[in-house]
PDB file of N, CA and C in Angstrom:
ATOM      1  N   MET A   1       0.770  -1.168  -0.127  1.00  0.00           N
ATOM      2  CA  MET A   1      -0.040  -0.097   0.111  1.00  0.00           C
ATOM      3  C   MET A   1       0.810   1.332   0.035  1.00  0.00           C
ATOM      4  N   LEU A   2       0.769   2.251  -0.727  1.00  0.00           N
ATOM      5  CA  LEU A   2       1.386   3.368  -1.140  1.00  0.00           C
ATOM      6  C   LEU A   2       0.562   4.623  -0.222  1.00  0.00           C
ATOM      7  N   CYS A   3       1.257   5.257   0.561  1.00  0.00           N
ATOM      8  CA  CYS A   3       0.735   6.501   1.112  1.00  0.00           C
ATOM      9  C   CYS A   3       1.652   7.658   1.046  1.00  0.00           C
ATOM     10  N   GLN A   4       0.831   8.676   0.403  1.00  0.00           N
ATOM     11  CA  GLN A   4       1.443   9.979   0.284  1.00  0.00           C
ATOM     12  C   GLN A   4       0.561  11.001   0.589  1.00  0.00           C
ATOM     13  N   ILE A   5       1.024  12.108   1.327  1.00  0.00           N
ATOM     14  CA  ILE A   5       0.448  13.391   1.469  1.00  0.00           C
ATOM     15  C   ILE A   5       0.775  14.474   0.590  1.00  0.00           C
ATOM     16  N   PHE A   6      -0.457  15.036  -0.094  1.00  0.00           N
ATOM     17  CA  PHE A   6      -0.381  16.040  -0.913  1.00  0.00           C
ATOM     18  C   PHE A   6      -1.138  17.287  -0.282  1.00  0.00           C
ATOM     19  N   ARG A   7      -0.410  18.432  -0.483  1.00  0.00           N
ATOM     20  CA  ARG A   7      -0.830  19.803  -0.053  1.00  0.00           C
ATOM     21  C   ARG A   7      -1.968  20.382  -0.925  1.00  0.00           C
ATOM     22  N   GLY A   8      -2.959  20.921  -0.572  1.00  0.00           N
ATOM     23  CA  GLY A   8      -4.098  21.518  -1.423  1.00  0.00           C
ATOM     24  C   GLY A   8      -3.776  22.886  -1.506  1.00  0.00           C
ATOM     25  N   PRO A   9      -4.458  23.577  -2.502  1.00  0.00           N
ATOM     26  CA  PRO A   9      -4.315  25.304  -2.754  1.00  0.00           C
ATOM     27  C   PRO A   9      -4.781  26.067  -1.334  1.00  0.00           C
ATOM     28  N   ALA A  10      -3.821  27.174  -1.525  1.00  0.00           N
ATOM     29  CA  ALA A  10      -4.039  27.960  -0.391  1.00  0.00           C
ATOM     30  C   ALA A  10      -5.159  28.792  -0.359  1.00  0.00           C
ATOM     31  N   ASP A  11      -5.714  29.077  -1.472  1.00  0.00           N
ATOM     32  CA  ASP A  11      -7.088  29.764  -1.629  1.00  0.00           C
ATOM     33  C   ASP A  11      -8.080  28.979  -2.694  1.00  0.00           C
ATOM     34  N   HIS A  12      -9.363  29.269  -2.805  1.00  0.00           N
ATOM     35  CA  HIS A  12     -10.355  28.717  -3.533  1.00  0.00           C
ATOM     36  C   HIS A  12      -9.942  29.241  -5.009  1.00  0.00           C
ATOM     37  N   LYS A  13      -9.299  29.916  -5.571  1.00  0.00           N
ATOM     38  CA  LYS A  13      -9.173  30.376  -6.744  1.00  0.00           C
ATOM     39  C   LYS A  13      -8.138  29.344  -7.737  1.00  0.00           C
ATOM     40  N   ASN A  14      -7.095  28.930  -7.184  1.00  0.00           N
ATOM     41  CA  ASN A  14      -5.919  28.527  -7.678  1.00  0.00           C
ATOM     42  C   ASN A  14      -5.921  26.991  -7.532  1.00  0.00           C
ATOM     43  N   GLN A  15      -5.658  26.309  -8.776  1.00  0.00           N
ATOM     44  CA  GLN A  15      -5.456  24.846  -8.799  1.00  0.00           C
ATOM     45  C   GLN A  15      -4.062  24.471  -8.636  1.00  0.00           C
ATOM     46  N   VAL A  16      -4.249  23.212  -7.842  1.00  0.00           N
ATOM     47  CA  VAL A  16      -2.667  22.387  -7.531  1.00  0.00           C
ATOM     48  C   VAL A  16      -2.562  21.281  -8.366  1.00  0.00           C
ATOM     49  N   ILE A  17      -1.471  21.024  -8.972  1.00  0.00           N
ATOM     50  CA  ILE A  17      -1.369  20.025  -9.553  1.00  0.00           C
ATOM     51  C   ILE A  17      -0.314  19.081  -8.794  1.00  0.00           C
ATOM     52  N   GLN A  18      -0.718  17.718  -8.477  1.00  0.00           N
ATOM     53  CA  GLN A  18       0.174  16.886  -7.869  1.00  0.00           C
ATOM     54  C   GLN A  18       0.290  15.705  -8.600  1.00  0.00           C
ATOM     55  N   GLN A  19       1.443  15.139  -8.511  1.00  0.00           N
ATOM     56  CA  GLN A  19       1.881  13.696  -8.936  1.00  0.00           C
ATOM     57  C   GLN A  19       2.439  12.692  -8.069  1.00  0.00           C
ATOM     58  N   PHE A  20       1.973  11.387  -8.136  1.00  0.00           N
ATOM     59  CA  PHE A  20       2.769  10.438  -7.585  1.00  0.00           C
ATOM     60  C   PHE A  20       4.148  10.209  -7.898  1.00  0.00           C
ATOM     61  N   PHE A  21       4.854   9.647  -6.853  1.00  0.00           N
ATOM     62  CA  PHE A  21       6.320   9.602  -6.763  1.00  0.00           C
ATOM     63  C   PHE A  21       6.667   8.781  -8.086  1.00  0.00           C
ATOM     64  N   GLN A  22       5.967   7.493  -7.868  1.00  0.00           N
ATOM     65  CA  GLN A  22       6.150   6.405  -8.746  1.00  0.00           C
ATOM     66  C   GLN A  22       4.883   6.251  -9.390  1.00  0.00           C
ATOM     67  N   PRO A  23       4.762   5.254 -10.619  1.00  0.00           N
ATOM     68  CA  PRO A  23       3.458   4.981 -11.169  1.00  0.00           C
ATOM     69  C   PRO A  23       2.745   4.008 -10.106  1.00  0.00           C
ATOM     70  N   VAL A  24       1.587   4.042 -10.414  1.00  0.00           N
ATOM     71  CA  VAL A  24       0.697   3.123  -9.235  1.00  0.00           C
ATOM     72  C   VAL A  24      -0.142   2.500 -10.162  1.00  0.00           C
ATOM     73  N   GLU A  25      -0.101   1.160  -9.771  1.00  0.00           N
ATOM     74  CA  GLU A  25      -1.190   0.060 -10.543  1.00  0.00           C
ATOM     75  C   GLU A  25      -2.184  -0.162  -9.341  1.00  0.00           C
ATOM     76  N   ALA A  26      -3.579   0.316  -9.521  1.00  0.00           N
ATOM     77  CA  ALA A  26      -4.744   0.160  -8.560  1.00  0.00           C
ATOM     78  C   ALA A  26      -5.953   0.063  -9.355  1.00  0.00           C
ATOM     79  N   ARG A  27      -6.687  -0.874  -8.627  1.00  0.00           N
ATOM     80  CA  ARG A  27      -8.099  -0.704  -9.235  1.00  0.00           C
ATOM     81  C   ARG A  27      -9.065   0.286  -8.364  1.00  0.00           C
ATOM     82  N   TYR A  28      -8.455   0.555  -7.212  1.00  0.00           N
ATOM     83  CA  TYR A  28      -9.141   1.595  -6.328  1.00  0.00           C
ATOM     84  C   TYR A  28      -8.266   2.750  -6.062  1.00  0.00           C
ATOM     85  N   VAL A  29      -8.443   3.988  -5.788  1.00  0.00           N
ATOM     86  CA  VAL A  29      -7.493   4.849  -5.266  1.00  0.00           C
ATOM     87  C   VAL A  29      -8.388   5.724  -4.048  1.00  0.00           C
ATOM     88  N   ARG A  30      -7.897   5.653  -2.777  1.00  0.00           N
ATOM     89  CA  ARG A  30      -8.703   6.587  -1.646  1.00  0.00           C
ATOM     90  C   ARG A  30      -8.237   7.764  -1.431  1.00  0.00           C
ATOM     91  N   TRP A  31      -8.554   8.866  -1.179  1.00  0.00           N
ATOM     92  CA  TRP A  31      -8.206  10.036  -0.457  1.00  0.00           C
ATOM     93  C   TRP A  31      -8.821  10.213   0.774  1.00  0.00           C
ATOM     94  N   ASN A  32      -7.906  10.396   1.630  1.00  0.00           N
ATOM     95  CA  ASN A  32      -8.565  10.932   2.946  1.00  0.00           C
ATOM     96  C   ASN A  32      -8.026  12.451   3.711  1.00  0.00           C
ATOM     97  N   PRO A  33      -8.771  13.400   3.255  1.00  0.00           N
ATOM     98  CA  PRO A  33      -8.595  14.865   3.701  1.00  0.00           C
ATOM     99  C   PRO A  33      -8.105  14.642   5.324  1.00  0.00           C
ATOM    100  N   LEU A  34      -6.948  15.422   5.445  1.00  0.00           N
ATOM    101  CA  LEU A  34      -6.819  15.442   7.017  1.00  0.00           C
ATOM    102  C   LEU A  34      -6.963  16.727   7.408  1.00  0.00           C
ATOM    103  N   THR A  35      -6.710  17.789   6.863  1.00  0.00           N
ATOM    104  CA  THR A  35      -7.240  19.133   7.305  1.00  0.00           C
ATOM    105  C   THR A  35      -8.098  20.082   6.457  1.00  0.00           C
ATOM    106  N   TRP A  36      -8.760  20.991   6.850  1.00  0.00           N
ATOM    107  CA  TRP A  36      -9.504  21.851   5.671  1.00  0.00           C
ATOM    108  C   TRP A  36      -9.689  23.196   6.526  1.00  0.00           C
ATOM    109  N   HIS A  37     -10.162  24.153   5.641  1.00  0.00           N
ATOM    110  CA  HIS A  37     -10.320  25.556   6.341  1.00  0.00           C
ATOM    111  C   HIS A  37     -11.546  25.659   5.905  1.00  0.00           C
ATOM    112  N   HIS A  38     -12.288  26.161   6.970  1.00  0.00           N
ATOM    113  CA  HIS A  38     -14.114  26.470   7.073  1.00  0.00           C
ATOM    114  C   HIS A  38     -14.695  25.281   6.749  1.00  0.00           C
ATOM    115  N   ALA A  39     -14.924  24.987   5.675  1.00  0.00           N
ATOM    116  CA  ALA A  39     -15.762  23.871   5.136  1.00  0.00           C
ATOM    117  C   ALA A  39     -15.054  22.812   4.176  1.00  0.00           C
ATOM    118  N   ILE A  40     -15.260  21.530   4.319  1.00  0.00           N
ATOM    119  CA  ILE A  40     -14.531  20.686   3.745  1.00  0.00           C
ATOM    120  C   ILE A  40     -15.075  20.626   2.200  1.00  0.00           C
ATOM    121  N   ALA A  41     -14.135  20.330   1.289  1.00  0.00           N
ATOM    122  CA  ALA A  41     -14.518  20.426  -0.162  1.00  0.00           C
ATOM    123  C   ALA A  41     -13.408  19.582  -0.788  1.00  0.00           C
ATOM    124  N   MET A  42     -13.412  19.020  -1.806  1.00  0.00           N
ATOM    125  CA  MET A  42     -12.502  18.436  -2.777  1.00  0.00           C
ATOM    126  C   MET A  42     -12.936  18.170  -3.956  1.00  0.00           C
ATOM    127  N   LYS A  43     -12.152  18.276  -4.937  1.00  0.00           N
ATOM    128  CA  LYS A  43     -12.288  17.986  -6.384  1.00  0.00           C
ATOM    129  C   LYS A  43     -11.097  17.304  -6.730  1.00  0.00           C
ATOM    130  N   VAL A  44     -11.198  16.142  -7.481  1.00  0.00           N
ATOM    131  CA  VAL A  44      -9.969  15.410  -7.918  1.00  0.00           C
ATOM    132  C   VAL A  44     -10.037  14.896  -9.426  1.00  0.00           C
ATOM    133  N   ASP A  45      -9.315  14.980 -10.261  1.00  0.00           N
ATOM    134  CA  ASP A  45      -9.264  14.645 -11.411  1.00  0.00           C
ATOM    135  C   ASP A  45      -7.925  13.491 -11.500  1.00  0.00           C
ATOM    136  N   LEU A  46      -8.005  12.287 -11.835  1.00  0.00           N
ATOM    137  CA  LEU A  46      -7.122  11.170 -11.622  1.00  0.00           C
ATOM    138  C   LEU A  46      -6.891  10.718 -13.255  1.00  0.00           C
ATOM    139  N   LEU A  47      -5.861  11.143 -13.520  1.00  0.00           N
ATOM    140  CA  LEU A  47      -5.424  10.586 -14.985  1.00  0.00           C
ATOM    141  C   LEU A  47      -4.532   9.580 -14.788  1.00  0.00           C
ATOM    142  N   GLY A  48      -4.913   8.792 -16.137  1.00  0.00           N
ATOM    143  CA  GLY A  48      -3.972   7.355 -15.955  1.00  0.00           C
ATOM    144  C   GLY A  48      -3.850   7.102 -17.566  1.00  0.00           C
ATOM    145  N   CYS A  49      -3.368   5.829 -17.733  1.00  0.00           N
ATOM    146  CA  CYS A  49      -2.882   5.429 -19.131  1.00  0.00           C
ATOM    147  C   CYS A  49      -3.472   4.179 -19.223  1.00  0.00           C
ATOM    148  N   GLY A  50      -3.628   3.598 -20.289  1.00  0.00           N
ATOM    149  CA  GLY A  50      -4.080   2.439 -20.643  1.00  0.00           C
ATOM    150  C   GLY A  50      -3.314   1.045 -20.110  1.00  0.00           C
ATOM    151  N   GLU A  51      -3.956   0.106 -20.316  1.00  0.00           N
ATOM    152  CA  GLU A  51      -3.373  -0.824 -19.499  1.00  0.00           C
ATOM    153  C   GLU A  51      -2.238  -1.580 -20.290  1.00  0.00           C
ATOM    154  N   LEU A  52      -1.023  -1.589 -19.744  1.00  0.00           N
ATOM    155  CA  LEU A  52       0.093  -2.291 -20.413  1.00  0.00           C
ATOM    156  C   LEU A  52       0.201  -3.708 -20.435  1.00  0.00           C
ATOM    157  N   THR A  53       0.468  -4.301 -21.545  1.00  0.00           N
ATOM    158  CA  THR A  53       0.524  -5.731 -21.609  1.00  0.00           C
ATOM    159  C   THR A  53       2.036  -6.256 -22.110  1.00  0.00           C
ATOM    160  N   THR A  54       2.327  -7.390 -21.582  1.00  0.00           N
ATOM    161  CA  THR A  54       3.505  -7.908 -21.956  1.00  0.00           C
ATOM    162  C   THR A  54       3.446  -9.128 -22.769  1.00  0.00           C
ATOM    163  N   GLU A  55       2.316  -9.239 -23.122  1.00  0.00           N
ATOM    164  CA  GLU A  55       1.989 -10.762 -24.041  1.00  0.00           C
ATOM    165  C   GLU A  55       2.550 -10.294 -25.296  1.00  0.00           C
ATOM    166  N   SER A  56       3.160 -11.394 -25.856  1.00  0.00           N
ATOM    167  CA  SER A  56       3.612 -11.457 -27.038  1.00  0.00           C
ATOM    168  C   SER A  56       2.843 -12.180 -28.313  1.00  0.00           C
ATOM    169  N   ALA A  57       2.589 -11.879 -29.214  1.00  0.00           N
ATOM    170  CA  ALA A  57       2.028 -12.721 -30.164  1.00  0.00           C
ATOM    171  C   ALA A  57       2.649 -13.525 -31.265  1.00  0.00           C
ATOM    172  N   ILE A  58       2.537 -14.412 -31.773  1.00  0.00           N
ATOM    173  CA  ILE A  58       3.168 -15.329 -32.623  1.00  0.00           C
ATOM    174  C   ILE A  58       2.462 -15.457 -34.070  1.00  0.00           C
ATOM    175  N   LEU A  59       3.169 -14.648 -34.815  1.00  0.00           N
ATOM    176  CA  LEU A  59       2.555 -14.555 -36.143  1.00  0.00           C
ATOM    177  C   LEU A  59       2.893 -15.974 -37.179  1.00  0.00           C
ATOM    178  N   THR A  60       2.003 -16.355 -37.863  1.00  0.00           N
ATOM    179  CA  THR A  60       2.500 -17.652 -38.766  1.00  0.00           C
ATOM    180  C   THR A  60       1.598 -17.221 -39.976  1.00  0.00           C
ATOM    181  N   SER A  61       2.127 -17.741 -41.212  1.00  0.00           N
ATOM    182  CA  SER A  61       1.578 -17.782 -42.277  1.00  0.00           C
ATOM    183  C   SER A  61       0.528 -18.851 -42.425  1.00  0.00           C
ATOM    184  N   PRO A  62      -0.376 -18.388 -43.201  1.00  0.00           N
ATOM    185  CA  PRO A  62      -1.621 -19.528 -43.280  1.00  0.00           C
ATOM    186  C   PRO A  62      -1.189 -20.772 -44.306  1.00  0.00           C
ATOM    187  N   THR A  63      -1.468 -21.830 -43.834  1.00  0.00           N
ATOM    188  CA  THR A  63      -1.131 -23.009 -44.583  1.00  0.00           C
ATOM    189  C   THR A  63      -2.361 -23.306 -45.346  1.00  0.00           C
ATOM    190  N   LEU A  64      -2.203 -23.887 -46.426  1.00  0.00           N
ATOM    191  CA  LEU A  64      -3.456 -24.286 -47.418  1.00  0.00           C
ATOM    192  C   LEU A  64      -3.229 -25.927 -47.480  1.00  0.00           C
ATOM    193  N   TYR A  65      -4.280 -26.572 -46.874  1.00  0.00           N
ATOM    194  CA  TYR A  65      -4.218 -28.105 -47.086  1.00  0.00           C
ATOM    195  C   TYR A  65      -5.015 -28.582 -48.358  1.00  0.00           C
ATOM    196  N   GLY A  66      -4.312 -29.577 -48.920  1.00  0.00           N
ATOM    197  CA  GLY A  66      -5.105 -30.332 -50.063  1.00  0.00           C
ATOM    198  C   GLY A  66      -4.801 -29.481 -51.061  1.00  0.00           C
ATOM    199  N   MET A  67      -3.839 -28.592 -51.387  1.00  0.00           N
ATOM    200  CA  MET A  67      -3.433 -27.823 -52.548  1.00  0.00           C
ATOM    201  C   MET A  67      -1.963 -28.474 -52.857  1.00  0.00           C
ATOM    202  N   ASN A  68      -1.980 -28.871 -54.193  1.00  0.00           N
ATOM    203  CA  ASN A  68      -0.735 -29.403 -54.395  1.00  0.00           C
ATOM    204  C   ASN A  68      -0.151 -28.570 -55.595  1.00  0.00           C
ATOM    205  N   ASN A  69       1.102 -28.583 -55.391  1.00  0.00           N
ATOM    206  CA  ASN A  69       1.964 -27.473 -56.434  1.00  0.00           C
ATOM    207  C   ASN A  69       2.553 -28.280 -57.963  1.00  0.00           C
ATOM    208  N   GLU A  70       1.776 -29.466 -57.914  1.00  0.00           N
ATOM    209  CA  GLU A  70       2.350 -30.234 -59.261  1.00  0.00           C
ATOM    210  C   GLU A  70       1.640 -29.801 -60.568  1.00  0.00           C
ATOM    211  N   SER A  71       2.376 -29.699 -61.559  1.00  0.00           N
ATOM    212  CA  SER A  71       1.733 -29.244 -62.746  1.00  0.00           C
ATOM    213  C   SER A  71       1.589 -30.374 -63.567  1.00  0.00           C
TER     214      SER A  71
END
């Protein structure tokens, strides 16, 4: 389990961009706000990439059965 603390914006006008230290492979991601000013609110965009696969494909040429090359 990866635990990381992100600081939010200092005011309600500016956006803060945060990044994980290392790439994360996860099905779920949980945010737990630790502190807030006046009222709690949070907006999150989580950007990711497509699934990476390491499978390899074997390409073969089609074989025609029952065909003779005899003249």
